All heavy atoms as atom14 arrays in JSON, in Angstrom:
{
  "sequence": "TIRKVQDINNRRRAAYEEKAAETGTTVEQVALVTGEK",
  "atom14_mask": [
    [1, 1, 1, 1, 1, 1, 1, 0, 0, 0, 0, 0, 0, 0],
    [1, 1, 1, 1, 1, 1, 1, 1, 0, 0, 0, 0, 0, 0],
    [1, 1, 1, 1, 1, 1, 1, 1, 1, 1, 1, 0, 0, 0],
    [1, 1, 1, 1, 1, 1, 1, 1, 1, 0, 0, 0, 0, 0],
    [1, 1, 1, 1, 1, 1, 1, 0, 0, 0, 0, 0, 0, 0],
    [1, 1, 1, 1, 1, 1, 1, 1, 1, 0, 0, 0, 0, 0],
    [1, 1, 1, 1, 1, 1, 1, 1, 0, 0, 0, 0, 0, 0],
    [1, 1, 1, 1, 1, 1, 1, 1, 0, 0, 0, 0, 0, 0],
    [1, 1, 1, 1, 1, 1, 1, 1, 0, 0, 0, 0, 0, 0],
    [1, 1, 1, 1, 1, 1, 1, 1, 0, 0, 0, 0, 0, 0],
    [1, 1, 1, 1, 1, 1, 1, 1, 1, 1, 1, 0, 0, 0],
    [1, 1, 1, 1, 1, 1, 1, 1, 1, 1, 1, 0, 0, 0],
    [1, 1, 1, 1, 1, 1, 1, 1, 1, 1, 1, 0, 0, 0],
    [1, 1, 1, 1, 1, 0, 0, 0, 0, 0, 0, 0, 0, 0],
    [1, 1, 1, 1, 1, 0, 0, 0, 0, 0, 0, 0, 0, 0],
    [1, 1, 1, 1, 1, 1, 1, 1, 1, 1, 1, 1, 0, 0],
    [1, 1, 1, 1, 1, 1, 1, 1, 1, 0, 0, 0, 0, 0],
    [1, 1, 1, 1, 1, 1, 1, 1, 1, 0, 0, 0, 0, 0],
    [1, 1, 1, 1, 1, 1, 1, 1, 1, 0, 0, 0, 0, 0],
    [1, 1, 1, 1, 1, 0, 0, 0, 0, 0, 0, 0, 0, 0],
    [1, 1, 1, 1, 1, 0, 0, 0, 0, 0, 0, 0, 0, 0],
    [1, 1, 1, 1, 1, 1, 1, 1, 1, 0, 0, 0, 0, 0],
    [1, 1, 1, 1, 1, 1, 1, 0, 0, 0, 0, 0, 0, 0],
    [1, 1, 1, 1, 0, 0, 0, 0, 0, 0, 0, 0, 0, 0],
    [1, 1, 1, 1, 1, 1, 1, 0, 0, 0, 0, 0, 0, 0],
    [1, 1, 1, 1, 1, 1, 1, 0, 0, 0, 0, 0, 0, 0],
    [1, 1, 1, 1, 1, 1, 1, 0, 0, 0, 0, 0, 0, 0],
    [1, 1, 1, 1, 1, 1, 1, 1, 1, 0, 0, 0, 0, 0],
    [1, 1, 1, 1, 1, 1, 1, 1, 1, 0, 0, 0, 0, 0],
    [1, 1, 1, 1, 1, 1, 1, 0, 0, 0, 0, 0, 0, 0],
    [1, 1, 1, 1, 1, 0, 0, 0, 0, 0, 0, 0, 0, 0],
    [1, 1, 1, 1, 1, 1, 1, 1, 0, 0, 0, 0, 0, 0],
    [1, 1, 1, 1, 1, 1, 1, 0, 0, 0, 0, 0, 0, 0],
    [1, 1, 1, 1, 1, 1, 1, 0, 0, 0, 0, 0, 0, 0],
    [1, 1, 1, 1, 0, 0, 0, 0, 0, 0, 0, 0, 0, 0],
    [1, 1, 1, 1, 1, 1, 1, 1, 1, 0, 0, 0, 0, 0],
    [1, 1, 1, 1, 1, 1, 1, 1, 1, 0, 0, 0, 0, 0]
  ],
  "atom14_positions": [
    [[1.16, -1.27, 14.41], [1.92, -0.55, 13.38], [2.46, -1.54, 12.35], [2.35, -1.31, 11.14], [3.06, 0.26, 14.01], [2.5, 1.21, 14.93], [3.86, 0.99, 12.95], [0.0, 0.0, 0.0], [0.0, 0.0, 0.0], [0.0, 0.0, 0.0], [0.0, 0.0, 0.0], [0.0, 0.0, 0.0], [0.0, 0.0, 0.0], [0.0, 0.0, 0.0]],
    [[3.02, -2.63, 12.82], [3.56, -3.64, 11.9], [2.47, -4.19, 10.99], [2.66, -4.33, 9.78], [4.26, -4.77, 12.69], [5.52, -4.23, 13.36], [4.58, -5.96, 11.78], [6.15, -5.17, 14.36], [0.0, 0.0, 0.0], [0.0, 0.0, 0.0], [0.0, 0.0, 0.0], [0.0, 0.0, 0.0], [0.0, 0.0, 0.0], [0.0, 0.0, 0.0]],
    [[1.31, -4.47, 11.56], [0.2, -4.99, 10.76], [-0.23, -3.98, 9.7], [-0.45, -4.32, 8.54], [-0.99, -5.33, 11.67], [-2.18, -5.93, 10.9], [-3.4, -6.13, 11.8], [-3.86, -4.91, 12.45], [-4.54, -3.94, 11.84], [-4.81, -4.02, 10.55], [-4.95, -2.87, 12.5], [0.0, 0.0, 0.0], [0.0, 0.0, 0.0], [0.0, 0.0, 0.0]],
    [[-0.28, -2.71, 10.08], [-0.69, -1.68, 9.12], [0.36, -1.48, 8.03], [0.01, -1.27, 6.86], [-1.01, -0.38, 9.84], [-2.29, -0.46, 10.64], [-2.68, 0.85, 11.26], [-3.97, 0.68, 12.03], [-5.05, 1.46, 11.48], [0.0, 0.0, 0.0], [0.0, 0.0, 0.0], [0.0, 0.0, 0.0], [0.0, 0.0, 0.0], [0.0, 0.0, 0.0]],
    [[1.63, -1.56, 8.38], [2.69, -1.46, 7.38], [2.57, -2.63, 6.39], [2.67, -2.43, 5.17], [4.09, -1.43, 8.04], [5.19, -1.68, 7.02], [4.31, -0.1, 8.75], [0.0, 0.0, 0.0], [0.0, 0.0, 0.0], [0.0, 0.0, 0.0], [0.0, 0.0, 0.0], [0.0, 0.0, 0.0], [0.0, 0.0, 0.0], [0.0, 0.0, 0.0]],
    [[2.33, -3.82, 6.9], [2.17, -4.98, 6.02], [0.97, -4.81, 5.1], [1.03, -5.14, 3.91], [2.04, -6.26, 6.85], [3.32, -6.66, 7.53], [3.14, -7.78, 8.54], [2.05, -8.02, 9.05], [4.23, -8.47, 8.84], [0.0, 0.0, 0.0], [0.0, 0.0, 0.0], [0.0, 0.0, 0.0], [0.0, 0.0, 0.0], [0.0, 0.0, 0.0]],
    [[-0.13, -4.27, 5.64], [-1.33, -4.04, 4.83], [-1.04, -3.03, 3.72], [-1.41, -3.25, 2.55], [-2.48, -3.55, 5.71], [-3.74, -3.31, 4.92], [-4.2, -4.24, 4.22], [-4.28, -2.17, 4.99], [0.0, 0.0, 0.0], [0.0, 0.0, 0.0], [0.0, 0.0, 0.0], [0.0, 0.0, 0.0], [0.0, 0.0, 0.0], [0.0, 0.0, 0.0]],
    [[-0.38, -1.94, 4.06], [-0.02, -0.93, 3.06], [0.88, -1.55, 2.0], [0.68, -1.34, 0.79], [0.64, 0.28, 3.72], [-0.4, 1.06, 4.53], [1.32, 1.18, 2.68], [0.18, 2.05, 5.5], [0.0, 0.0, 0.0], [0.0, 0.0, 0.0], [0.0, 0.0, 0.0], [0.0, 0.0, 0.0], [0.0, 0.0, 0.0], [0.0, 0.0, 0.0]],
    [[1.87, -2.32, 2.42], [2.78, -2.94, 1.45], [2.05, -3.93, 0.56], [2.36, -4.04, -0.64], [3.95, -3.6, 2.17], [4.94, -2.57, 2.68], [4.97, -1.44, 2.22], [5.76, -2.97, 3.63], [0.0, 0.0, 0.0], [0.0, 0.0, 0.0], [0.0, 0.0, 0.0], [0.0, 0.0, 0.0], [0.0, 0.0, 0.0], [0.0, 0.0, 0.0]],
    [[1.08, -4.65, 1.09], [0.28, -5.56, 0.26], [-0.51, -4.78, -0.78], [-0.59, -5.2, -1.95], [-0.67, -6.39, 1.13], [0.05, -7.42, 1.96], [1.18, -7.82, 1.66], [-0.59, -7.88, 3.02], [0.0, 0.0, 0.0], [0.0, 0.0, 0.0], [0.0, 0.0, 0.0], [0.0, 0.0, 0.0], [0.0, 0.0, 0.0], [0.0, 0.0, 0.0]],
    [[-1.06, -3.63, -0.38], [-1.8, -2.81, -1.34], [-0.87, -2.2, -2.38], [-1.22, -2.11, -3.57], [-2.6, -1.73, -0.62], [-3.82, -2.33, 0.09], [-4.72, -1.28, 0.64], [-4.25, -0.96, 2.0], [-4.52, 0.16, 2.63], [-5.21, 1.12, 2.05], [-4.08, 0.36, 3.86], [0.0, 0.0, 0.0], [0.0, 0.0, 0.0], [0.0, 0.0, 0.0]],
    [[0.32, -1.79, -1.95], [1.29, -1.27, -2.91], [1.67, -2.36, -3.91], [1.71, -2.12, -5.11], [2.54, -0.76, -2.2], [2.35, 0.58, -1.52], [3.65, 1.08, -0.95], [3.49, 2.37, -0.28], [4.5, 3.08, 0.2], [5.75, 2.65, 0.1], [4.27, 4.24, 0.79], [0.0, 0.0, 0.0], [0.0, 0.0, 0.0], [0.0, 0.0, 0.0]],
    [[1.95, -3.55, -3.41], [2.33, -4.67, -4.29], [1.24, -4.93, -5.33], [1.54, -5.12, -6.52], [2.61, -5.92, -3.45], [2.83, -7.18, -4.24], [4.22, -7.29, -4.71], [4.37, -8.51, -5.53], [5.49, -8.89, -6.03], [6.59, -8.2, -5.82], [5.55, -9.96, -6.76], [0.0, 0.0, 0.0], [0.0, 0.0, 0.0], [0.0, 0.0, 0.0]],
    [[-0.01, -4.93, -4.9], [-1.12, -5.15, -5.84], [-1.16, -4.06, -6.9], [-1.37, -4.34, -8.09], [-2.44, -5.22, -5.08], [0.0, 0.0, 0.0], [0.0, 0.0, 0.0], [0.0, 0.0, 0.0], [0.0, 0.0, 0.0], [0.0, 0.0, 0.0], [0.0, 0.0, 0.0], [0.0, 0.0, 0.0], [0.0, 0.0, 0.0], [0.0, 0.0, 0.0]],
    [[-0.95, -2.81, -6.49], [-0.94, -1.71, -7.46], [0.25, -1.83, -8.41], [0.11, -1.6, -9.61], [-0.89, -0.37, -6.72], [0.0, 0.0, 0.0], [0.0, 0.0, 0.0], [0.0, 0.0, 0.0], [0.0, 0.0, 0.0], [0.0, 0.0, 0.0], [0.0, 0.0, 0.0], [0.0, 0.0, 0.0], [0.0, 0.0, 0.0], [0.0, 0.0, 0.0]],
    [[1.41, -2.22, -7.88], [2.59, -2.4, -8.73], [2.34, -3.53, -9.74], [2.73, -3.42, -10.91], [3.83, -2.73, -7.91], [4.26, -1.66, -6.93], [5.1, -1.98, -5.86], [3.86, -0.33, -7.05], [5.52, -1.01, -4.95], [4.28, 0.64, -6.14], [5.1, 0.29, -5.1], [5.51, 1.25, -4.2], [0.0, 0.0, 0.0], [0.0, 0.0, 0.0]],
    [[1.71, -4.61, -9.29], [1.41, -5.72, -10.2], [0.48, -5.28, -11.32], [0.68, -5.63, -12.49], [0.78, -6.88, -9.42], [1.75, -7.61, -8.53], [1.08, -8.63, -7.62], [-0.17, -8.65, -7.52], [1.83, -9.41, -6.99], [0.0, 0.0, 0.0], [0.0, 0.0, 0.0], [0.0, 0.0, 0.0], [0.0, 0.0, 0.0], [0.0, 0.0, 0.0]],
    [[-0.53, -4.51, -10.96], [-1.48, -4.01, -11.96], [-0.78, -3.12, -12.98], [-0.97, -3.27, -14.19], [-2.59, -3.25, -11.25], [-3.68, -2.76, -12.16], [-4.78, -2.04, -11.4], [-5.19, -2.54, -10.33], [-5.21, -0.98, -11.88], [0.0, 0.0, 0.0], [0.0, 0.0, 0.0], [0.0, 0.0, 0.0], [0.0, 0.0, 0.0], [0.0, 0.0, 0.0]],
    [[0.04, -2.18, -12.49], [0.74, -1.26, -13.39], [1.75, -2.01, -14.27], [1.9, -1.7, -15.45], [1.46, -0.16, -12.61], [0.53, 0.79, -11.92], [-0.32, 1.55, -12.91], [-1.18, 2.57, -12.21], [-2.07, 3.26, -13.14], [0.0, 0.0, 0.0], [0.0, 0.0, 0.0], [0.0, 0.0, 0.0], [0.0, 0.0, 0.0], [0.0, 0.0, 0.0]],
    [[2.42, -2.98, -13.71], [3.39, -3.75, -14.48], [2.68, -4.52, -15.6], [3.15, -4.56, -16.74], [4.15, -4.71, -13.58], [0.0, 0.0, 0.0], [0.0, 0.0, 0.0], [0.0, 0.0, 0.0], [0.0, 0.0, 0.0], [0.0, 0.0, 0.0], [0.0, 0.0, 0.0], [0.0, 0.0, 0.0], [0.0, 0.0, 0.0], [0.0, 0.0, 0.0]],
    [[1.54, -5.11, -15.29], [0.79, -5.85, -16.3], [0.27, -4.93, -17.4], [0.3, -5.29, -18.58], [-0.38, -6.59, -15.64], [0.0, 0.0, 0.0], [0.0, 0.0, 0.0], [0.0, 0.0, 0.0], [0.0, 0.0, 0.0], [0.0, 0.0, 0.0], [0.0, 0.0, 0.0], [0.0, 0.0, 0.0], [0.0, 0.0, 0.0], [0.0, 0.0, 0.0]],
    [[-0.16, -3.74, -17.03], [-0.68, -2.77, -18.0], [0.4, -2.3, -18.96], [0.11, -1.99, -20.11], [-1.25, -1.55, -17.29], [-2.55, -1.76, -16.58], [-2.97, -0.54, -15.77], [-2.3, 0.51, -15.85], [-3.97, -0.66, -15.03], [0.0, 0.0, 0.0], [0.0, 0.0, 0.0], [0.0, 0.0, 0.0], [0.0, 0.0, 0.0], [0.0, 0.0, 0.0]],
    [[1.64, -2.21, -18.49], [2.69, -1.6, -19.28], [3.74, -2.56, -19.81], [4.65, -2.15, -20.51], [3.41, -0.52, -18.46], [3.96, -1.13, -17.3], [2.46, 0.59, -18.06], [0.0, 0.0, 0.0], [0.0, 0.0, 0.0], [0.0, 0.0, 0.0], [0.0, 0.0, 0.0], [0.0, 0.0, 0.0], [0.0, 0.0, 0.0], [0.0, 0.0, 0.0]],
    [[3.64, -3.82, -19.42], [4.62, -4.79, -19.9], [5.96, -4.7, -19.19], [6.98, -5.16, -19.7], [0.0, 0.0, 0.0], [0.0, 0.0, 0.0], [0.0, 0.0, 0.0], [0.0, 0.0, 0.0], [0.0, 0.0, 0.0], [0.0, 0.0, 0.0], [0.0, 0.0, 0.0], [0.0, 0.0, 0.0], [0.0, 0.0, 0.0], [0.0, 0.0, 0.0]],
    [[5.99, -4.08, -18.03], [7.21, -4.01, -17.24], [7.11, -5.04, -16.12], [6.13, -5.78, -16.02], [7.41, -2.61, -16.63], [6.28, -2.3, -15.8], [7.57, -1.55, -17.7], [0.0, 0.0, 0.0], [0.0, 0.0, 0.0], [0.0, 0.0, 0.0], [0.0, 0.0, 0.0], [0.0, 0.0, 0.0], [0.0, 0.0, 0.0], [0.0, 0.0, 0.0]],
    [[8.1, -5.08, -15.26], [8.04, -6.02, -14.14], [7.59, -5.29, -12.88], [7.71, -4.06, -12.78], [9.42, -6.65, -13.86], [10.31, -5.64, -13.37], [9.99, -7.32, -15.09], [0.0, 0.0, 0.0], [0.0, 0.0, 0.0], [0.0, 0.0, 0.0], [0.0, 0.0, 0.0], [0.0, 0.0, 0.0], [0.0, 0.0, 0.0], [0.0, 0.0, 0.0]],
    [[7.08, -6.05, -11.94], [6.68, -5.5, -10.64], [7.88, -4.83, -9.99], [7.77, -3.74, -9.42], [6.11, -6.61, -9.74], [5.86, -6.1, -8.32], [4.85, -7.18, -10.34], [0.0, 0.0, 0.0], [0.0, 0.0, 0.0], [0.0, 0.0, 0.0], [0.0, 0.0, 0.0], [0.0, 0.0, 0.0], [0.0, 0.0, 0.0], [0.0, 0.0, 0.0]],
    [[9.04, -5.46, -10.09], [10.25, -4.92, -9.47], [10.63, -3.57, -10.07], [11.05, -2.67, -9.34], [11.4, -5.91, -9.59], [11.23, -7.17, -8.76], [10.2, -8.16, -9.33], [9.9, -8.11, -10.55], [9.7, -8.97, -8.54], [0.0, 0.0, 0.0], [0.0, 0.0, 0.0], [0.0, 0.0, 0.0], [0.0, 0.0, 0.0], [0.0, 0.0, 0.0]],
    [[10.5, -3.44, -11.4], [10.83, -2.15, -12.03], [9.9, -1.06, -11.53], [10.35, 0.04, -11.18], [10.71, -2.25, -13.56], [11.84, -3.0, -14.22], [11.6, -3.15, -15.72], [10.52, -3.55, -16.15], [12.61, -2.81, -16.5], [0.0, 0.0, 0.0], [0.0, 0.0, 0.0], [0.0, 0.0, 0.0], [0.0, 0.0, 0.0], [0.0, 0.0, 0.0]],
    [[8.62, -1.35, -11.5], [7.65, -0.35, -11.02], [7.94, 0.0, -9.57], [7.97, 1.18, -9.2], [6.21, -0.87, -11.18], [5.21, 0.11, -10.57], [5.88, -1.11, -12.65], [0.0, 0.0, 0.0], [0.0, 0.0, 0.0], [0.0, 0.0, 0.0], [0.0, 0.0, 0.0], [0.0, 0.0, 0.0], [0.0, 0.0, 0.0], [0.0, 0.0, 0.0]],
    [[8.18, -1.01, -8.73], [8.43, -0.77, -7.31], [9.71, 0.03, -7.09], [9.73, 0.96, -6.27], [8.5, -2.1, -6.57], [0.0, 0.0, 0.0], [0.0, 0.0, 0.0], [0.0, 0.0, 0.0], [0.0, 0.0, 0.0], [0.0, 0.0, 0.0], [0.0, 0.0, 0.0], [0.0, 0.0, 0.0], [0.0, 0.0, 0.0], [0.0, 0.0, 0.0]],
    [[10.77, -0.3, -7.81], [12.04, 0.41, -7.62], [11.95, 1.87, -8.03], [12.44, 2.76, -7.32], [13.16, -0.28, -8.4], [13.67, -1.59, -7.8], [14.63, -2.28, -8.76], [14.33, -1.34, -6.45], [0.0, 0.0, 0.0], [0.0, 0.0, 0.0], [0.0, 0.0, 0.0], [0.0, 0.0, 0.0], [0.0, 0.0, 0.0], [0.0, 0.0, 0.0]],
    [[11.33, 2.13, -9.16], [11.21, 3.52, -9.6], [10.3, 4.29, -8.65], [10.58, 5.44, -8.3], [10.7, 3.6, -11.06], [10.43, 5.03, -11.47], [11.72, 2.97, -12.0], [0.0, 0.0, 0.0], [0.0, 0.0, 0.0], [0.0, 0.0, 0.0], [0.0, 0.0, 0.0], [0.0, 0.0, 0.0], [0.0, 0.0, 0.0], [0.0, 0.0, 0.0]],
    [[9.24, 3.64, -8.19], [8.36, 4.28, -7.21], [9.12, 4.55, -5.92], [9.0, 5.63, -5.34], [7.12, 3.41, -6.93], [6.43, 3.17, -8.16], [6.18, 4.1, -5.95], [0.0, 0.0, 0.0], [0.0, 0.0, 0.0], [0.0, 0.0, 0.0], [0.0, 0.0, 0.0], [0.0, 0.0, 0.0], [0.0, 0.0, 0.0], [0.0, 0.0, 0.0]],
    [[9.93, 3.59, -5.48], [10.74, 3.78, -4.28], [11.66, 4.97, -4.39], [11.8, 5.76, -3.45], [0.0, 0.0, 0.0], [0.0, 0.0, 0.0], [0.0, 0.0, 0.0], [0.0, 0.0, 0.0], [0.0, 0.0, 0.0], [0.0, 0.0, 0.0], [0.0, 0.0, 0.0], [0.0, 0.0, 0.0], [0.0, 0.0, 0.0], [0.0, 0.0, 0.0]],
    [[12.29, 5.12, -5.54], [13.18, 6.28, -5.76], [12.41, 7.58, -5.61], [12.89, 8.53, -4.98], [13.79, 6.22, -7.16], [14.81, 5.12, -7.34], [15.3, 5.02, -8.78], [14.95, 5.89, -9.61], [16.02, 4.05, -9.07], [0.0, 0.0, 0.0], [0.0, 0.0, 0.0], [0.0, 0.0, 0.0], [0.0, 0.0, 0.0], [0.0, 0.0, 0.0]],
    [[11.21, 7.63, -6.17], [10.41, 8.85, -6.11], [9.93, 9.12, -4.68], [9.94, 10.26, -4.23], [9.2, 8.76, -7.05], [9.56, 8.56, -8.49], [10.29, 9.76, -9.03], [10.63, 9.55, -10.49], [11.49, 10.59, -11.01], [0.0, 0.0, 0.0], [0.0, 0.0, 0.0], [0.0, 0.0, 0.0], [0.0, 0.0, 0.0], [0.0, 0.0, 0.0]]
  ]
}
């Protein structure tokens, strides 16, 4: 379970990085707003 959670989080981080780069925001901003949702 821990390994799978880490894998999912790595994939989320990569998606957040991509979205942040596309929009000129930070990874943290994308992650925090996504976390709220």
